[in-house]
Amino acid sequence: MAILPFLIPALFFFIVGLVIGSFLNVVILRSIRDESWVTGRSHCDVCGAQIAWYDNVPLLSYLILRGRCRHCKKAISISHPVVEGLTGVLFVWWYAGLFLFFKLTQEPFVVLQPLFWLAVAAILMVIFVTDVLVYVIPDKAVVALSALVVVYQLALMYSGIMQPRDFMWALMGMAVAVLFFFSLWFITRGRGLGLGDVKLIAPLTLLMGWPSAVVGIFSAFIIGAVIGVVSVVAGKKKMKQPIPFGPFLIIGTVISLIWGHDIVSWYLNFLY
């Protein structure tokens, strides 16, 4: 019985996450098709038939329909239940993390901090899935992420939680990272990196801070190289086939946010 006080709210947040995940699917698919996120009814990607409300219940409708459109019987993209399920899990983690990870107690950041990271995670999920599906990083998502990070960090600095020099270091680190990625894009003529990756690295570097961003970027290149080699060896990709790099940047960012400071400290102690 003692676990019920946790499970009942966790179930609530999981359901809320499923609903938000369903909206994120709309954002992802309409970004791919360059359609508005807020107007128009949901429709089948294959036959174009409008989807009734009872066929649009997150996760449950996919299971009932066995992953196929009610009208044309064609397969529904697996990204629908995956994004919905992952967002549900994200919301449960967020609920649990309120007691473990979010440490700011100064008003109003006791509320703003967890909301900020939840919004960041949702935007990164949109970018991650879109890049995996069509090798495109939506400009609107990058702009939204950039604005969110800048406004939040300015609020932290105004409140005295973040030191101005730390913000300036983050800005300089962002400039270096963008210049580095732009150089790679220019030299390889877009074959090594996409222009979307150049844009994405700006808010990610600002989010990670400096020098933790070095850990994130280095991790992204290492993971990307390993996945690329494994894909070629396994016959999933050919040598010159592109691999979306945005997901690796996001994974590297997560590594940096969790362990970046410890890794940098370990490396400096190792040197000296």
C-alpha atoms as a PDB file:
ATOM      1  CA  MET A   1       0.000   0.000   0.000  1.00  0.00           C
ATOM      2  CA  ALA A   2       2.921   2.344   0.665  1.00  0.00           C
ATOM      3  CA  ILE A   3       3.767   2.404  -3.020  1.00  0.00           C
ATOM      4  CA  LEU A   4       0.308   3.634  -4.068  1.00  0.00           C
ATOM      5  CA  PRO A   5       1.034   7.308  -3.277  1.00  0.00           C
ATOM      6  CA  PHE A   6       3.756   7.122  -5.955  1.00  0.00           C
ATOM      7  CA  LEU A   7       2.055   4.837  -8.486  1.00  0.00           C
ATOM      8  CA  ILE A   8      -1.205   6.775  -8.798  1.00  0.00           C
ATOM      9  CA  PRO A   9       0.473  10.122  -9.697  1.00  0.00           C
ATOM     10  CA  ALA A  10       2.993   8.231 -11.883  1.00  0.00           C
ATOM     11  CA  LEU A  11       0.108   6.683 -13.836  1.00  0.00           C
ATOM     12  CA  PHE A  12      -1.468  10.118 -14.214  1.00  0.00           C
ATOM     13  CA  PHE A  13       1.759  11.612 -15.541  1.00  0.00           C
ATOM     14  CA  PHE A  14       2.240   8.638 -17.885  1.00  0.00           C
ATOM     15  CA  ILE A  15      -1.198   9.253 -19.404  1.00  0.00           C
ATOM     16  CA  VAL A  16      -0.474  12.985 -19.718  1.00  0.00           C
ATOM     17  CA  GLY A  17       2.809  12.054 -21.404  1.00  0.00           C
ATOM     18  CA  LEU A  18       0.971   9.827 -23.880  1.00  0.00           C
ATOM     19  CA  VAL A  19      -1.285  12.740 -24.835  1.00  0.00           C
ATOM     20  CA  ILE A  20       1.674  15.105 -25.217  1.00  0.00           C
ATOM     21  CA  GLY A  21       3.479  12.398 -27.193  1.00  0.00           C
ATOM     22  CA  SER A  22       0.534  12.215 -29.577  1.00  0.00           C
ATOM     23  CA  PHE A  23       0.869  15.973 -30.144  1.00  0.00           C
ATOM     24  CA  LEU A  24       4.621  15.610 -30.660  1.00  0.00           C
ATOM     25  CA  ASN A  25       3.862  13.051 -33.373  1.00  0.00           C
ATOM     26  CA  VAL A  26       1.720  15.679 -35.085  1.00  0.00           C
ATOM     27  CA  VAL A  27       4.582  18.187 -34.811  1.00  0.00           C
ATOM     28  CA  ILE A  28       7.085  15.666 -36.214  1.00  0.00           C
ATOM     29  CA  LEU A  29       4.970  14.516 -39.158  1.00  0.00           C
ATOM     30  CA  ARG A  30       3.768  17.996 -40.094  1.00  0.00           C
ATOM     31  CA  SER A  31       7.310  19.336 -39.860  1.00  0.00           C
ATOM     32  CA  ILE A  32       8.304  16.660 -42.370  1.00  0.00           C
ATOM     33  CA  ARG A  33       5.422  17.659 -44.669  1.00  0.00           C
ATOM     34  CA  ASP A  34       5.947  21.395 -43.983  1.00  0.00           C
ATOM     35  CA  GLU A  35       2.363  21.749 -42.692  1.00  0.00           C
ATOM     36  CA  SER A  36       0.950  23.817 -39.828  1.00  0.00           C
ATOM     37  CA  TRP A  37       1.188  22.261 -36.363  1.00  0.00           C
ATOM     38  CA  VAL A  38      -2.072  23.788 -35.138  1.00  0.00           C
ATOM     39  CA  THR A  39      -4.580  23.586 -38.000  1.00  0.00           C
ATOM     40  CA  GLY A  40      -6.089  20.672 -39.878  1.00  0.00           C
ATOM     41  CA  ARG A  41      -7.369  17.276 -38.756  1.00  0.00           C
ATOM     42  CA  SER A  42      -5.173  14.216 -38.325  1.00  0.00           C
ATOM     43  CA  HIS A  43      -5.229  11.917 -41.333  1.00  0.00           C
ATOM     44  CA  CYS A  44      -3.696   8.679 -42.578  1.00  0.00           C
ATOM     45  CA  ASP A  45      -0.234   9.160 -44.071  1.00  0.00           C
ATOM     46  CA  VAL A  46      -1.078   6.736 -46.908  1.00  0.00           C
ATOM     47  CA  CYS A  47      -4.731   7.138 -47.971  1.00  0.00           C
ATOM     48  CA  GLY A  48      -5.359  10.595 -46.504  1.00  0.00           C
ATOM     49  CA  ALA A  49      -8.562   9.555 -44.693  1.00  0.00           C
ATOM     50  CA  GLN A  50      -9.376  11.618 -41.616  1.00  0.00           C
ATOM     51  CA  ILE A  51      -8.748   9.798 -38.358  1.00  0.00           C
ATOM     52  CA  ALA A  52     -11.757   9.618 -36.028  1.00  0.00           C
ATOM     53  CA  TRP A  53     -11.290  10.545 -32.385  1.00  0.00           C
ATOM     54  CA  TYR A  54     -11.714   6.930 -31.267  1.00  0.00           C
ATOM     55  CA  ASP A  55      -8.867   5.904 -33.567  1.00  0.00           C
ATOM     56  CA  ASN A  56      -6.657   8.656 -32.207  1.00  0.00           C
ATOM     57  CA  VAL A  57      -6.370   7.565 -28.572  1.00  0.00           C
ATOM     58  CA  PRO A  58      -2.641   7.522 -27.756  1.00  0.00           C
ATOM     59  CA  LEU A  59      -1.059   4.059 -27.794  1.00  0.00           C
ATOM     60  CA  LEU A  60      -4.390   2.283 -27.213  1.00  0.00           C
ATOM     61  CA  SER A  61      -5.760   2.919 -30.729  1.00  0.00           C
ATOM     62  CA  TYR A  62      -2.529   1.631 -32.294  1.00  0.00           C
ATOM     63  CA  LEU A  63      -2.841  -1.608 -30.321  1.00  0.00           C
ATOM     64  CA  ILE A  64      -6.559  -2.038 -31.108  1.00  0.00           C
ATOM     65  CA  LEU A  65      -6.019  -1.415 -34.833  1.00  0.00           C
ATOM     66  CA  ARG A  66      -2.951  -3.697 -34.750  1.00  0.00           C
ATOM     67  CA  GLY A  67      -0.840  -0.952 -36.257  1.00  0.00           C
ATOM     68  CA  ARG A  68      -2.949  -0.508 -39.408  1.00  0.00           C
ATOM     69  CA  CYS A  69      -5.203   2.219 -40.792  1.00  0.00           C
ATOM     70  CA  ARG A  70      -8.909   1.419 -40.370  1.00  0.00           C
ATOM     71  CA  HIS A  71      -9.617   2.563 -43.946  1.00  0.00           C
ATOM     72  CA  CYS A  72      -6.772   1.410 -46.207  1.00  0.00           C
ATOM     73  CA  LYS A  73      -5.311  -1.279 -43.896  1.00  0.00           C
ATOM     74  CA  LYS A  74      -1.794   0.002 -44.551  1.00  0.00           C
ATOM     75  CA  ALA A  75       0.738  -0.085 -41.722  1.00  0.00           C
ATOM     76  CA  ILE A  76       0.858   2.929 -39.404  1.00  0.00           C
ATOM     77  CA  SER A  77       4.365   4.213 -38.748  1.00  0.00           C
ATOM     78  CA  ILE A  78       5.902   2.635 -35.660  1.00  0.00           C
ATOM     79  CA  SER A  79       7.075   6.120 -34.686  1.00  0.00           C
ATOM     80  CA  HIS A  80       3.557   6.852 -33.369  1.00  0.00           C
ATOM     81  CA  PRO A  81       3.511   4.395 -30.448  1.00  0.00           C
ATOM     82  CA  VAL A  82       7.262   4.769 -29.871  1.00  0.00           C
ATOM     83  CA  VAL A  83       7.090   8.562 -29.439  1.00  0.00           C
ATOM     84  CA  GLU A  84       3.916   8.324 -27.336  1.00  0.00           C
ATOM     85  CA  GLY A  85       5.387   5.619 -25.097  1.00  0.00           C
ATOM     86  CA  LEU A  86       8.727   7.388 -24.691  1.00  0.00           C
ATOM     87  CA  THR A  87       7.001  10.654 -23.829  1.00  0.00           C
ATOM     88  CA  GLY A  88       4.901   8.826 -21.241  1.00  0.00           C
ATOM     89  CA  VAL A  89       8.086   7.397 -19.708  1.00  0.00           C
ATOM     90  CA  LEU A  90       9.691  10.859 -19.877  1.00  0.00           C
ATOM     91  CA  PHE A  91       6.834  12.345 -17.854  1.00  0.00           C
ATOM     92  CA  VAL A  92       7.107   9.600 -15.226  1.00  0.00           C
ATOM     93  CA  TRP A  93      10.870  10.223 -15.008  1.00  0.00           C
ATOM     94  CA  TRP A  94      10.166  13.932 -14.734  1.00  0.00           C
ATOM     95  CA  TYR A  95       7.726  13.317 -11.875  1.00  0.00           C
ATOM     96  CA  ALA A  96      10.246  11.118 -10.059  1.00  0.00           C
ATOM     97  CA  GLY A  97      13.027  13.587 -10.847  1.00  0.00           C
ATOM     98  CA  LEU A  98      11.208  16.371  -9.030  1.00  0.00           C
ATOM     99  CA  PHE A  99      12.449  14.755  -5.832  1.00  0.00           C
ATOM    100  CA  LEU A 100      15.892  13.715  -7.064  1.00  0.00           C
ATOM    101  CA  PHE A 101      17.374  15.936  -9.767  1.00  0.00           C
ATOM    102  CA  PHE A 102      15.851  19.414  -9.576  1.00  0.00           C
ATOM    103  CA  LYS A 103      17.683  21.227  -6.813  1.00  0.00           C
ATOM    104  CA  LEU A 104      16.859  24.928  -7.200  1.00  0.00           C
ATOM    105  CA  THR A 105      14.748  26.072  -4.255  1.00  0.00           C
ATOM    106  CA  GLN A 106      14.657  29.800  -5.007  1.00  0.00           C
ATOM    107  CA  GLU A 107      11.282  31.028  -6.202  1.00  0.00           C
ATOM    108  CA  PRO A 108      10.105  30.838  -8.948  1.00  0.00           C
ATOM    109  CA  PHE A 109      12.768  28.337 -10.129  1.00  0.00           C
ATOM    110  CA  VAL A 110      11.499  25.611  -7.856  1.00  0.00           C
ATOM    111  CA  VAL A 111       8.731  25.368 -10.500  1.00  0.00           C
ATOM    112  CA  LEU A 112      10.454  26.837 -13.558  1.00  0.00           C
ATOM    113  CA  GLN A 113      13.481  24.517 -13.448  1.00  0.00           C
ATOM    114  CA  PRO A 114      11.559  21.232 -13.868  1.00  0.00           C
ATOM    115  CA  LEU A 115       9.231  22.826 -16.446  1.00  0.00           C
ATOM    116  CA  PHE A 116      12.231  24.095 -18.408  1.00  0.00           C
ATOM    117  CA  TRP A 117      13.864  20.671 -18.589  1.00  0.00           C
ATOM    118  CA  LEU A 118      10.579  19.010 -19.533  1.00  0.00           C
ATOM    119  CA  ALA A 119      10.117  21.467 -22.419  1.00  0.00           C
ATOM    120  CA  VAL A 120      13.739  20.956 -23.515  1.00  0.00           C
ATOM    121  CA  ALA A 121      13.282  17.168 -23.498  1.00  0.00           C
ATOM    122  CA  ALA A 122      10.098  17.425 -25.590  1.00  0.00           C
ATOM    123  CA  ILE A 123      11.791  19.622 -28.216  1.00  0.00           C
ATOM    124  CA  LEU A 124      14.838  17.349 -28.357  1.00  0.00           C
ATOM    125  CA  MET A 125      12.552  14.357 -28.915  1.00  0.00           C
ATOM    126  CA  VAL A 126      10.959  16.102 -31.909  1.00  0.00           C
ATOM    127  CA  ILE A 127      14.403  16.848 -33.361  1.00  0.00           C
ATOM    128  CA  PHE A 128      15.705  13.341 -32.630  1.00  0.00           C
ATOM    129  CA  VAL A 129      12.813  11.490 -34.294  1.00  0.00           C
ATOM    130  CA  THR A 130      12.516  13.839 -37.287  1.00  0.00           C
ATOM    131  CA  ASP A 131      16.228  13.529 -38.053  1.00  0.00           C
ATOM    132  CA  VAL A 132      16.077   9.734 -37.769  1.00  0.00           C
ATOM    133  CA  LEU A 133      13.056   9.509 -40.076  1.00  0.00           C
ATOM    134  CA  VAL A 134      13.952  11.968 -42.844  1.00  0.00           C
ATOM    135  CA  TYR A 135      17.449  13.331 -42.045  1.00  0.00           C
ATOM    136  CA  VAL A 136      16.030  16.788 -41.404  1.00  0.00           C
ATOM    137  CA  ILE A 137      16.293  18.957 -38.289  1.00  0.00           C
ATOM    138  CA  PRO A 138      13.259  21.310 -38.177  1.00  0.00           C
ATOM    139  CA  ASP A 139      14.282  24.961 -38.063  1.00  0.00           C
ATOM    140  CA  LYS A 140      11.237  25.822 -35.924  1.00  0.00           C
ATOM    141  CA  ALA A 141      12.279  23.312 -33.279  1.00  0.00           C
ATOM    142  CA  VAL A 142      15.839  24.701 -33.208  1.00  0.00           C
ATOM    143  CA  VAL A 143      14.533  28.279 -32.918  1.00  0.00           C
ATOM    144  CA  ALA A 144      12.168  27.242 -30.104  1.00  0.00           C
ATOM    145  CA  LEU A 145      14.990  25.463 -28.263  1.00  0.00           C
ATOM    146  CA  SER A 146      17.363  28.417 -28.705  1.00  0.00           C
ATOM    147  CA  ALA A 147      14.819  30.937 -27.422  1.00  0.00           C
ATOM    148  CA  LEU A 148      13.934  28.730 -24.457  1.00  0.00           C
ATOM    149  CA  VAL A 149      17.567  28.223 -23.411  1.00  0.00           C
ATOM    150  CA  VAL A 150      18.541  31.892 -23.792  1.00  0.00           C
ATOM    151  CA  VAL A 151      15.512  33.199 -21.877  1.00  0.00           C
ATOM    152  CA  TYR A 152      15.993  30.667 -19.072  1.00  0.00           C
ATOM    153  CA  GLN A 153      19.690  31.375 -18.672  1.00  0.00           C
ATOM    154  CA  LEU A 154      19.109  35.126 -18.718  1.00  0.00           C
ATOM    155  CA  ALA A 155      16.525  34.614 -15.964  1.00  0.00           C
ATOM    156  CA  LEU A 156      19.061  32.578 -13.970  1.00  0.00           C
ATOM    157  CA  MET A 157      21.660  35.324 -14.394  1.00  0.00           C
ATOM    158  CA  TYR A 158      19.206  38.064 -13.463  1.00  0.00           C
ATOM    159  CA  SER A 159      18.312  36.136 -10.299  1.00  0.00           C
ATOM    160  CA  GLY A 160      21.970  35.714  -9.357  1.00  0.00           C
ATOM    161  CA  ILE A 161      21.886  31.918  -9.671  1.00  0.00           C
ATOM    162  CA  MET A 162      24.082  31.946 -12.772  1.00  0.00           C
ATOM    163  CA  GLN A 163      27.218  34.077 -12.873  1.00  0.00           C
ATOM    164  CA  PRO A 164      27.592  36.448 -15.867  1.00  0.00           C
ATOM    165  CA  ARG A 165      31.067  35.031 -16.597  1.00  0.00           C
ATOM    166  CA  ASP A 166      29.592  31.516 -16.907  1.00  0.00           C
ATOM    167  CA  PHE A 167      27.051  32.822 -19.408  1.00  0.00           C
ATOM    168  CA  MET A 168      29.806  34.587 -21.356  1.00  0.00           C
ATOM    169  CA  TRP A 169      31.899  31.405 -21.383  1.00  0.00           C
ATOM    170  CA  ALA A 170      28.874  29.519 -22.710  1.00  0.00           C
ATOM    171  CA  LEU A 171      28.401  32.135 -25.459  1.00  0.00           C
ATOM    172  CA  MET A 172      32.071  31.938 -26.461  1.00  0.00           C
ATOM    173  CA  GLY A 173      31.930  28.148 -26.424  1.00  0.00           C
ATOM    174  CA  MET A 174      28.838  28.305 -28.623  1.00  0.00           C
ATOM    175  CA  ALA A 175      30.628  30.572 -31.108  1.00  0.00           C
ATOM    176  CA  VAL A 176      33.629  28.199 -31.266  1.00  0.00           C
ATOM    177  CA  ALA A 177      31.390  25.141 -31.699  1.00  0.00           C
ATOM    178  CA  VAL A 178      29.291  26.763 -34.438  1.00  0.00           C
ATOM    179  CA  LEU A 179      32.437  27.893 -36.286  1.00  0.00           C
ATOM    180  CA  PHE A 180      33.909  24.385 -35.996  1.00  0.00           C
ATOM    181  CA  PHE A 181      30.739  22.696 -37.267  1.00  0.00           C
ATOM    182  CA  PHE A 182      30.302  25.254 -40.052  1.00  0.00           C
ATOM    183  CA  SER A 183      33.877  24.607 -41.156  1.00  0.00           C
ATOM    184  CA  LEU A 184      33.212  20.858 -41.300  1.00  0.00           C
ATOM    185  CA  TRP A 185      30.031  21.472 -43.279  1.00  0.00           C
ATOM    186  CA  PHE A 186      31.819  23.831 -45.689  1.00  0.00           C
ATOM    187  CA  ILE A 187      34.899  21.656 -46.197  1.00  0.00           C
ATOM    188  CA  THR A 188      32.898  18.465 -46.793  1.00  0.00           C
ATOM    189  CA  ARG A 189      30.279  20.342 -48.846  1.00  0.00           C
ATOM    190  CA  GLY A 190      27.528  19.011 -46.637  1.00  0.00           C
ATOM    191  CA  ARG A 191      28.571  15.375 -46.877  1.00  0.00           C
ATOM    192  CA  GLY A 192      30.092  15.180 -43.399  1.00  0.00           C
ATOM    193  CA  LEU A 193      27.486  17.269 -41.604  1.00  0.00           C
ATOM    194  CA  GLY A 194      24.182  18.845 -42.528  1.00  0.00           C
ATOM    195  CA  LEU A 195      23.481  22.538 -42.109  1.00  0.00           C
ATOM    196  CA  GLY A 196      20.819  21.534 -39.583  1.00  0.00           C
ATOM    197  CA  ASP A 197      23.570  20.122 -37.355  1.00  0.00           C
ATOM    198  CA  VAL A 198      25.408  23.446 -37.539  1.00  0.00           C
ATOM    199  CA  LYS A 199      22.265  25.245 -36.354  1.00  0.00           C
ATOM    200  CA  LEU A 200      21.483  22.683 -33.653  1.00  0.00           C
ATOM    201  CA  ILE A 201      24.908  22.808 -32.027  1.00  0.00           C
ATOM    202  CA  ALA A 202      24.322  26.465 -31.022  1.00  0.00           C
ATOM    203  CA  PRO A 203      21.535  25.921 -28.452  1.00  0.00           C
ATOM    204  CA  LEU A 204      23.005  22.578 -27.373  1.00  0.00           C
ATOM    205  CA  THR A 205      26.378  24.167 -26.558  1.00  0.00           C
ATOM    206  CA  LEU A 206      24.648  26.956 -24.669  1.00  0.00           C
ATOM    207  CA  LEU A 207      22.623  24.344 -22.791  1.00  0.00           C
ATOM    208  CA  MET A 208      25.678  22.274 -21.840  1.00  0.00           C
ATOM    209  CA  GLY A 209      27.912  25.212 -20.914  1.00  0.00           C
ATOM    210  CA  TRP A 210      31.660  25.403 -21.286  1.00  0.00           C
ATOM    211  CA  PRO A 211      33.819  23.315 -21.049  1.00  0.00           C
ATOM    212  CA  SER A 212      31.240  20.520 -20.548  1.00  0.00           C
ATOM    213  CA  ALA A 213      30.177  21.052 -24.181  1.00  0.00           C
ATOM    214  CA  VAL A 214      33.508  19.536 -25.269  1.00  0.00           C
ATOM    215  CA  VAL A 215      32.428  16.283 -23.590  1.00  0.00           C
ATOM    216  CA  GLY A 216      29.087  16.353 -25.396  1.00  0.00           C
ATOM    217  CA  ILE A 217      30.563  17.071 -28.825  1.00  0.00           C
ATOM    218  CA  PHE A 218      33.365  14.528 -28.418  1.00  0.00           C
ATOM    219  CA  SER A 219      30.855  11.905 -27.233  1.00  0.00           C
ATOM    220  CA  ALA A 220      28.623  12.603 -30.241  1.00  0.00           C
ATOM    221  CA  PHE A 221      31.480  12.023 -32.702  1.00  0.00           C
ATOM    222  CA  ILE A 222      32.619   8.850 -30.919  1.00  0.00           C
ATOM    223  CA  ILE A 223      29.118   7.360 -30.743  1.00  0.00           C
ATOM    224  CA  GLY A 224      28.380   8.381 -34.328  1.00  0.00           C
ATOM    225  CA  ALA A 225      31.605   6.782 -35.556  1.00  0.00           C
ATOM    226  CA  VAL A 226      30.899   3.532 -33.689  1.00  0.00           C
ATOM    227  CA  ILE A 227      27.299   3.342 -34.945  1.00  0.00           C
ATOM    228  CA  GLY A 228      28.457   4.154 -38.474  1.00  0.00           C
ATOM    229  CA  VAL A 229      31.102   1.413 -38.512  1.00  0.00           C
ATOM    230  CA  VAL A 230      28.703  -1.141 -37.020  1.00  0.00           C
ATOM    231  CA  SER A 231      26.027  -0.209 -39.590  1.00  0.00           C
ATOM    232  CA  VAL A 232      28.468  -0.665 -42.481  1.00  0.00           C
ATOM    233  CA  VAL A 233      29.819  -3.971 -41.133  1.00  0.00           C
ATOM    234  CA  ALA A 234      26.275  -5.236 -40.560  1.00  0.00           C
ATOM    235  CA  GLY A 235      25.302  -4.266 -44.109  1.00  0.00           C
ATOM    236  CA  LYS A 236      22.698  -1.740 -42.962  1.00  0.00           C
ATOM    237  CA  LYS A 237      24.532   1.171 -44.567  1.00  0.00           C
ATOM    238  CA  LYS A 238      26.997   1.697 -47.386  1.00  0.00           C
ATOM    239  CA  MET A 239      30.211   3.660 -46.898  1.00  0.00           C
ATOM    240  CA  LYS A 240      28.960   6.869 -48.518  1.00  0.00           C
ATOM    241  CA  GLN A 241      25.406   6.732 -47.185  1.00  0.00           C
ATOM    242  CA  PRO A 242      24.559   9.561 -44.774  1.00  0.00           C
ATOM    243  CA  ILE A 243      23.757   8.929 -41.128  1.00  0.00           C
ATOM    244  CA  PRO A 244      21.690  11.490 -39.191  1.00  0.00           C
ATOM    245  CA  PHE A 245      24.035  13.209 -36.768  1.00  0.00           C
ATOM    246  CA  GLY A 246      21.440  15.159 -34.777  1.00  0.00           C
ATOM    247  CA  PRO A 247      20.528  12.156 -32.570  1.00  0.00           C
ATOM    248  CA  PHE A 248      24.200  11.669 -31.665  1.00  0.00           C
ATOM    249  CA  LEU A 249      24.481  15.345 -30.716  1.00  0.00           C
ATOM    250  CA  ILE A 250      21.451  14.940 -28.471  1.00  0.00           C
ATOM    251  CA  ILE A 251      22.847  11.779 -26.861  1.00  0.00           C
ATOM    252  CA  GLY A 252      26.173  13.559 -26.364  1.00  0.00           C
ATOM    253  CA  THR A 253      24.326  16.475 -24.762  1.00  0.00           C
ATOM    254  CA  VAL A 254      22.608  14.132 -22.303  1.00  0.00           C
ATOM    255  CA  ILE A 255      25.982  12.574 -21.419  1.00  0.00           C
ATOM    256  CA  SER A 256      27.458  16.027 -20.902  1.00  0.00           C
ATOM    257  CA  LEU A 257      24.566  17.235 -18.741  1.00  0.00           C
ATOM    258  CA  ILE A 258      24.781  14.198 -16.456  1.00  0.00           C
ATOM    259  CA  TRP A 259      28.529  13.478 -16.341  1.00  0.00           C
ATOM    260  CA  GLY A 260      30.193  16.396 -18.158  1.00  0.00           C
ATOM    261  CA  HIS A 261      31.509  18.170 -15.072  1.00  0.00           C
ATOM    262  CA  ASP A 262      32.864  14.928 -13.568  1.00  0.00           C
ATOM    263  CA  ILE A 263      34.543  13.925 -16.842  1.00  0.00           C
ATOM    264  CA  VAL A 264      36.192  17.334 -17.233  1.00  0.00           C
ATOM    265  CA  SER A 265      37.397  17.248 -13.613  1.00  0.00           C
ATOM    266  CA  TRP A 266      38.766  13.720 -14.042  1.00  0.00           C
ATOM    267  CA  TYR A 267      40.581  14.688 -17.236  1.00  0.00           C
ATOM    268  CA  LEU A 268      42.168  17.791 -15.669  1.00  0.00           C
ATOM    269  CA  ASN A 269      43.274  15.781 -12.628  1.00  0.00           C
ATOM    270  CA  PHE A 270      44.692  13.164 -14.956  1.00  0.00           C
ATOM    271  CA  LEU A 271      46.749  15.813 -16.781  1.00  0.00           C
ATOM    272  CA  TYR A 272      48.013  17.538 -13.646  1.00  0.00           C
END
